[in-house]
Amino acid sequence: MFNKAKTLKGYKLHSLDEEIGKVEEFYFDDQYWTIRYLIIDTQNWWPGKKVLVSPKWIERVSWSESTVFINLTCEAIKQSPEYTEESQLTRDYETELHQHYDRQGYWIDESVTKKHCR
């Protein structure tokens, strides 16, 4: 079964603990043709704050419940570096984000893949 990514817009995001917001938008990497981040609006849970989460951290999607389940705690997301429309998505920001969640950056995986493909 195939579903379009845009179908996820508006889906609830559920952490390991509880529902924490909704999927608002995506960051698409046009060099590698992949979605790098989901922009999560936590306004119903944490007023005014938006955060980025990697699709690699998604545990599963329930199409029938319109919910994305993510393998992060509510507290980790609450303490995550905030994302604003004015934010620059730089490697420093990404590094801080991945370090905060104690996750390896996608660029490390891609670096290893490039070495093996040469």
N, C-alpha and C. Protein backbone atom coordinates (compact mmCIF):
# COMPACT_ATOMS: atom_id res chain seq x y z
N MET A 1 0.85 -1.18 0.00
CA MET A 1 0.00 0.00 0.00
C MET A 1 0.89 1.24 0.00
N PHE A 2 0.56 2.20 -0.84
CA PHE A 2 1.31 3.44 -0.92
C PHE A 2 0.40 4.60 -0.52
N ASN A 3 0.96 5.53 0.21
CA ASN A 3 0.24 6.74 0.60
C ASN A 3 1.15 7.93 0.36
N LYS A 4 0.55 9.04 0.00
CA LYS A 4 1.32 10.26 -0.22
C LYS A 4 1.66 10.90 1.12
N ALA A 5 2.86 11.50 1.17
CA ALA A 5 3.30 12.16 2.40
C ALA A 5 2.32 13.25 2.81
N LYS A 6 1.77 13.96 1.81
CA LYS A 6 0.87 15.06 2.16
C LYS A 6 -0.37 14.57 2.91
N THR A 7 -0.66 13.27 2.82
CA THR A 7 -1.77 12.69 3.57
C THR A 7 -1.54 12.86 5.06
N LEU A 8 -0.27 12.90 5.49
CA LEU A 8 0.05 13.00 6.91
C LEU A 8 -0.18 14.39 7.49
N LYS A 9 -0.31 15.41 6.63
CA LYS A 9 -0.56 16.76 7.15
C LYS A 9 -1.84 16.76 7.97
N GLY A 10 -1.73 17.30 9.16
CA GLY A 10 -2.87 17.35 10.06
C GLY A 10 -3.02 16.13 10.94
N TYR A 11 -2.24 15.07 10.68
CA TYR A 11 -2.30 13.88 11.52
C TYR A 11 -1.81 14.22 12.92
N LYS A 12 -2.38 13.58 13.92
CA LYS A 12 -1.93 13.75 15.29
C LYS A 12 -0.56 13.08 15.42
N LEU A 13 0.27 13.63 16.29
CA LEU A 13 1.56 13.02 16.59
C LEU A 13 1.52 12.52 18.02
N HIS A 14 1.79 11.24 18.18
CA HIS A 14 1.73 10.61 19.50
C HIS A 14 3.12 10.16 19.90
N SER A 15 3.61 10.68 21.03
CA SER A 15 4.93 10.29 21.54
C SER A 15 4.79 8.95 22.27
N LEU A 16 5.87 8.54 22.92
CA LEU A 16 5.81 7.32 23.73
C LEU A 16 4.84 7.48 24.90
N ASP A 17 4.57 8.74 25.31
CA ASP A 17 3.75 9.01 26.49
C ASP A 17 2.32 9.43 26.18
N GLU A 18 2.18 10.32 25.19
CA GLU A 18 0.87 10.91 24.93
C GLU A 18 0.86 11.66 23.60
N GLU A 19 -0.31 12.11 23.22
CA GLU A 19 -0.42 12.95 22.02
C GLU A 19 0.24 14.29 22.29
N ILE A 20 1.01 14.79 21.30
CA ILE A 20 1.76 16.02 21.56
C ILE A 20 1.57 17.11 20.53
N GLY A 21 0.82 16.86 19.51
CA GLY A 21 0.62 17.88 18.50
C GLY A 21 0.16 17.28 17.19
N LYS A 22 0.45 18.00 16.10
CA LYS A 22 0.03 17.52 14.79
C LYS A 22 1.11 17.81 13.75
N VAL A 23 1.10 17.02 12.70
CA VAL A 23 2.04 17.22 11.60
C VAL A 23 1.56 18.41 10.79
N GLU A 24 2.42 19.41 10.68
CA GLU A 24 2.04 20.63 9.96
C GLU A 24 2.61 20.68 8.55
N GLU A 25 3.88 20.27 8.40
CA GLU A 25 4.56 20.42 7.12
C GLU A 25 5.77 19.50 7.09
N PHE A 26 6.51 19.54 5.99
CA PHE A 26 7.69 18.69 5.82
C PHE A 26 8.86 19.51 5.30
N TYR A 27 10.06 19.07 5.64
CA TYR A 27 11.29 19.59 5.02
C TYR A 27 11.75 18.53 4.05
N PHE A 28 11.83 18.89 2.79
CA PHE A 28 12.20 17.98 1.73
C PHE A 28 13.60 18.31 1.24
N ASP A 29 14.48 17.32 1.15
CA ASP A 29 15.84 17.49 0.64
C ASP A 29 15.81 17.18 -0.85
N ASP A 30 15.92 18.23 -1.68
CA ASP A 30 15.80 18.03 -3.12
C ASP A 30 17.08 17.49 -3.76
N GLN A 31 18.16 17.41 -3.00
CA GLN A 31 19.37 16.79 -3.52
C GLN A 31 19.26 15.26 -3.47
N TYR A 32 18.70 14.75 -2.37
CA TYR A 32 18.60 13.30 -2.18
C TYR A 32 17.17 12.77 -2.35
N TRP A 33 16.24 13.65 -2.66
CA TRP A 33 14.84 13.27 -2.88
C TRP A 33 14.27 12.49 -1.70
N THR A 34 14.35 13.13 -0.53
CA THR A 34 13.84 12.48 0.67
C THR A 34 13.28 13.53 1.64
N ILE A 35 12.37 13.12 2.47
CA ILE A 35 11.85 13.99 3.52
C ILE A 35 12.81 13.90 4.70
N ARG A 36 13.35 15.04 5.10
CA ARG A 36 14.30 15.08 6.22
C ARG A 36 13.60 15.25 7.56
N TYR A 37 12.57 16.10 7.60
CA TYR A 37 11.92 16.39 8.88
C TYR A 37 10.43 16.60 8.69
N LEU A 38 9.69 16.28 9.75
CA LEU A 38 8.31 16.67 9.87
C LEU A 38 8.29 17.89 10.79
N ILE A 39 7.57 18.92 10.41
CA ILE A 39 7.39 20.09 11.27
C ILE A 39 6.15 19.80 12.11
N ILE A 40 6.34 19.80 13.43
CA ILE A 40 5.26 19.46 14.35
C ILE A 40 4.78 20.70 15.07
N ASP A 41 3.49 20.93 15.01
CA ASP A 41 2.87 22.05 15.73
C ASP A 41 2.34 21.50 17.04
N THR A 42 2.89 22.00 18.14
CA THR A 42 2.49 21.51 19.46
C THR A 42 1.53 22.47 20.16
N GLN A 43 0.87 23.36 19.40
CA GLN A 43 0.06 24.41 20.02
C GLN A 43 -1.04 23.91 20.94
N ASN A 44 -1.60 22.75 20.68
CA ASN A 44 -2.63 22.21 21.57
C ASN A 44 -2.03 21.68 22.87
N TRP A 45 -0.75 21.40 22.85
CA TRP A 45 -0.09 20.80 24.00
C TRP A 45 0.91 21.76 24.65
N TRP A 46 1.68 22.46 23.82
CA TRP A 46 2.70 23.40 24.30
C TRP A 46 2.55 24.66 23.47
N PRO A 47 1.79 25.64 23.93
CA PRO A 47 1.37 26.78 23.12
C PRO A 47 2.49 27.46 22.31
N GLY A 48 2.24 27.53 21.01
CA GLY A 48 3.09 28.30 20.13
C GLY A 48 4.38 27.67 19.69
N LYS A 49 4.71 26.50 20.17
CA LYS A 49 6.00 25.90 19.86
C LYS A 49 5.89 24.91 18.70
N LYS A 50 6.87 25.00 17.79
CA LYS A 50 7.00 24.04 16.71
C LYS A 50 8.35 23.38 16.83
N VAL A 51 8.41 22.11 16.50
CA VAL A 51 9.65 21.35 16.57
C VAL A 51 9.80 20.51 15.31
N LEU A 52 11.02 20.07 15.06
CA LEU A 52 11.29 19.17 13.95
C LEU A 52 11.57 17.77 14.49
N VAL A 53 11.05 16.77 13.78
CA VAL A 53 11.38 15.38 14.09
C VAL A 53 11.69 14.67 12.78
N SER A 54 12.60 13.74 12.84
CA SER A 54 13.00 12.99 11.66
C SER A 54 11.99 11.87 11.37
N PRO A 55 11.71 11.62 10.11
CA PRO A 55 10.84 10.48 9.79
C PRO A 55 11.45 9.14 10.21
N LYS A 56 12.77 9.12 10.42
CA LYS A 56 13.43 7.90 10.89
C LYS A 56 13.01 7.54 12.30
N TRP A 57 12.45 8.49 13.02
CA TRP A 57 12.05 8.25 14.40
C TRP A 57 10.59 7.82 14.51
N ILE A 58 9.92 7.71 13.38
CA ILE A 58 8.53 7.25 13.37
C ILE A 58 8.49 5.75 13.62
N GLU A 59 7.69 5.38 14.57
CA GLU A 59 7.52 3.97 14.90
C GLU A 59 6.50 3.32 13.96
N ARG A 60 5.38 4.02 13.76
CA ARG A 60 4.34 3.52 12.86
C ARG A 60 3.34 4.63 12.59
N VAL A 61 2.53 4.41 11.57
CA VAL A 61 1.45 5.34 11.22
C VAL A 61 0.15 4.55 11.26
N SER A 62 -0.83 5.09 11.93
CA SER A 62 -2.17 4.50 11.92
C SER A 62 -3.04 5.35 11.01
N TRP A 63 -3.27 4.84 9.80
CA TRP A 63 -4.08 5.57 8.82
C TRP A 63 -5.52 5.68 9.30
N SER A 64 -6.00 4.65 9.98
CA SER A 64 -7.40 4.66 10.44
C SER A 64 -7.62 5.65 11.59
N GLU A 65 -6.57 5.89 12.39
CA GLU A 65 -6.68 6.83 13.51
C GLU A 65 -6.11 8.20 13.17
N SER A 66 -5.58 8.36 11.94
CA SER A 66 -4.93 9.61 11.52
C SER A 66 -3.88 10.04 12.54
N THR A 67 -3.01 9.09 12.91
CA THR A 67 -2.01 9.33 13.95
C THR A 67 -0.66 8.78 13.53
N VAL A 68 0.38 9.59 13.80
CA VAL A 68 1.76 9.18 13.61
C VAL A 68 2.32 8.90 15.01
N PHE A 69 2.87 7.71 15.21
CA PHE A 69 3.45 7.33 16.49
C PHE A 69 4.97 7.44 16.38
N ILE A 70 5.56 8.20 17.30
CA ILE A 70 6.99 8.47 17.22
C ILE A 70 7.71 7.94 18.46
N ASN A 71 8.92 7.48 18.25
CA ASN A 71 9.70 6.85 19.30
C ASN A 71 10.50 7.89 20.10
N LEU A 72 9.80 8.87 20.65
CA LEU A 72 10.40 9.91 21.49
C LEU A 72 9.47 10.18 22.66
N THR A 73 10.03 10.59 23.77
CA THR A 73 9.18 10.93 24.91
C THR A 73 8.64 12.35 24.78
N CYS A 74 7.57 12.58 25.46
CA CYS A 74 6.94 13.89 25.50
C CYS A 74 7.91 14.93 26.05
N GLU A 75 8.63 14.58 27.09
CA GLU A 75 9.57 15.51 27.72
C GLU A 75 10.71 15.86 26.77
N ALA A 76 11.21 14.88 26.02
CA ALA A 76 12.29 15.16 25.06
C ALA A 76 11.82 16.15 24.00
N ILE A 77 10.61 15.99 23.54
CA ILE A 77 10.06 16.90 22.53
C ILE A 77 9.83 18.28 23.14
N LYS A 78 9.36 18.31 24.37
CA LYS A 78 9.13 19.58 25.06
C LYS A 78 10.44 20.37 25.18
N GLN A 79 11.54 19.70 25.42
CA GLN A 79 12.85 20.36 25.60
C GLN A 79 13.61 20.52 24.28
N SER A 80 13.03 20.08 23.19
CA SER A 80 13.69 20.13 21.88
C SER A 80 13.96 21.56 21.43
N PRO A 81 15.02 21.76 20.64
CA PRO A 81 15.25 23.09 20.07
C PRO A 81 14.03 23.53 19.27
N GLU A 82 13.56 24.72 19.54
CA GLU A 82 12.36 25.22 18.86
C GLU A 82 12.66 25.53 17.40
N TYR A 83 11.67 25.30 16.56
CA TYR A 83 11.76 25.64 15.15
C TYR A 83 10.79 26.79 14.89
N THR A 84 11.28 27.82 14.20
CA THR A 84 10.40 28.91 13.76
C THR A 84 10.59 29.08 12.26
N GLU A 85 9.67 29.77 11.63
CA GLU A 85 9.79 30.01 10.20
C GLU A 85 11.04 30.82 9.87
N GLU A 86 11.53 31.57 10.85
CA GLU A 86 12.74 32.36 10.66
C GLU A 86 14.01 31.53 10.90
N SER A 87 13.85 30.35 11.46
CA SER A 87 15.01 29.50 11.76
C SER A 87 15.74 29.12 10.48
N GLN A 88 17.04 29.11 10.58
CA GLN A 88 17.86 28.62 9.48
C GLN A 88 18.14 27.15 9.75
N LEU A 89 17.80 26.31 8.80
CA LEU A 89 18.06 24.88 8.96
C LEU A 89 19.50 24.61 8.54
N THR A 90 20.41 24.90 9.46
CA THR A 90 21.84 24.73 9.21
C THR A 90 22.31 23.41 9.79
N ARG A 91 23.51 23.01 9.41
CA ARG A 91 24.06 21.78 9.98
C ARG A 91 24.24 21.91 11.48
N ASP A 92 24.56 23.11 11.98
CA ASP A 92 24.68 23.32 13.43
C ASP A 92 23.34 23.08 14.13
N TYR A 93 22.27 23.60 13.54
CA TYR A 93 20.93 23.38 14.12
C TYR A 93 20.61 21.89 14.10
N GLU A 94 20.86 21.23 12.96
CA GLU A 94 20.57 19.80 12.85
C GLU A 94 21.39 18.99 13.85
N THR A 95 22.66 19.35 14.00
CA THR A 95 23.52 18.65 14.95
C THR A 95 22.98 18.80 16.37
N GLU A 96 22.58 20.02 16.73
CA GLU A 96 21.99 20.26 18.05
C GLU A 96 20.72 19.43 18.23
N LEU A 97 19.89 19.38 17.21
CA LEU A 97 18.64 18.62 17.26
C LEU A 97 18.91 17.13 17.48
N HIS A 98 19.81 16.58 16.69
CA HIS A 98 20.11 15.15 16.79
C HIS A 98 20.82 14.81 18.11
N GLN A 99 21.67 15.70 18.57
CA GLN A 99 22.32 15.47 19.87
C GLN A 99 21.29 15.52 20.99
N HIS A 100 20.35 16.45 20.89
CA HIS A 100 19.30 16.55 21.91
C HIS A 100 18.55 15.23 22.03
N TYR A 101 18.21 14.63 20.90
CA TYR A 101 17.46 13.37 20.91
C TYR A 101 18.37 12.14 21.01
N ASP A 102 19.68 12.38 21.10
CA ASP A 102 20.66 11.30 21.19
C ASP A 102 20.51 10.33 20.01
N ARG A 103 20.41 10.93 18.82
CA ARG A 103 20.27 10.15 17.59
C ARG A 103 21.36 10.56 16.60
N GLN A 104 21.79 9.60 15.82
CA GLN A 104 22.81 9.87 14.80
C GLN A 104 22.18 10.65 13.65
N GLY A 105 22.92 11.61 13.12
CA GLY A 105 22.43 12.41 12.00
C GLY A 105 22.39 11.62 10.70
N TYR A 106 21.44 11.93 9.86
CA TYR A 106 21.31 11.24 8.56
C TYR A 106 22.55 11.43 7.71
N TRP A 107 23.25 12.57 7.86
CA TRP A 107 24.42 12.87 7.05
C TRP A 107 25.56 11.89 7.32
N ILE A 108 25.58 11.28 8.49
CA ILE A 108 26.61 10.28 8.80
C ILE A 108 26.33 9.01 8.00
N ASP A 109 25.06 8.59 7.96
CA ASP A 109 24.69 7.42 7.16
C ASP A 109 25.00 7.65 5.69
N GLU A 110 24.70 8.84 5.19
CA GLU A 110 24.93 9.14 3.77
C GLU A 110 26.42 9.19 3.46
N SER A 111 27.22 9.64 4.41
CA SER A 111 28.66 9.69 4.21
C SER A 111 29.23 8.28 4.07
N VAL A 112 28.74 7.36 4.90
CA VAL A 112 29.19 5.96 4.84
C VAL A 112 28.75 5.33 3.53
N THR A 113 27.51 5.60 3.10
CA THR A 113 27.00 5.05 1.85
C THR A 113 27.82 5.54 0.67
N LYS A 114 28.16 6.82 0.65
CA LYS A 114 28.95 7.37 -0.45
C LYS A 114 30.31 6.68 -0.55
N LYS A 115 30.93 6.41 0.60
CA LYS A 115 32.25 5.76 0.61
C LYS A 115 32.16 4.36 0.00
N HIS A 116 31.09 3.63 0.31
CA HIS A 116 30.93 2.26 -0.18
C HIS A 116 30.50 2.21 -1.64
N CYS A 117 29.94 3.26 -2.15
CA CYS A 117 29.44 3.26 -3.53
C CYS A 117 30.48 3.71 -4.53
N ARG A 118 31.59 4.18 -4.10
CA ARG A 118 32.61 4.69 -5.03
C ARG A 118 33.35 3.59 -5.71
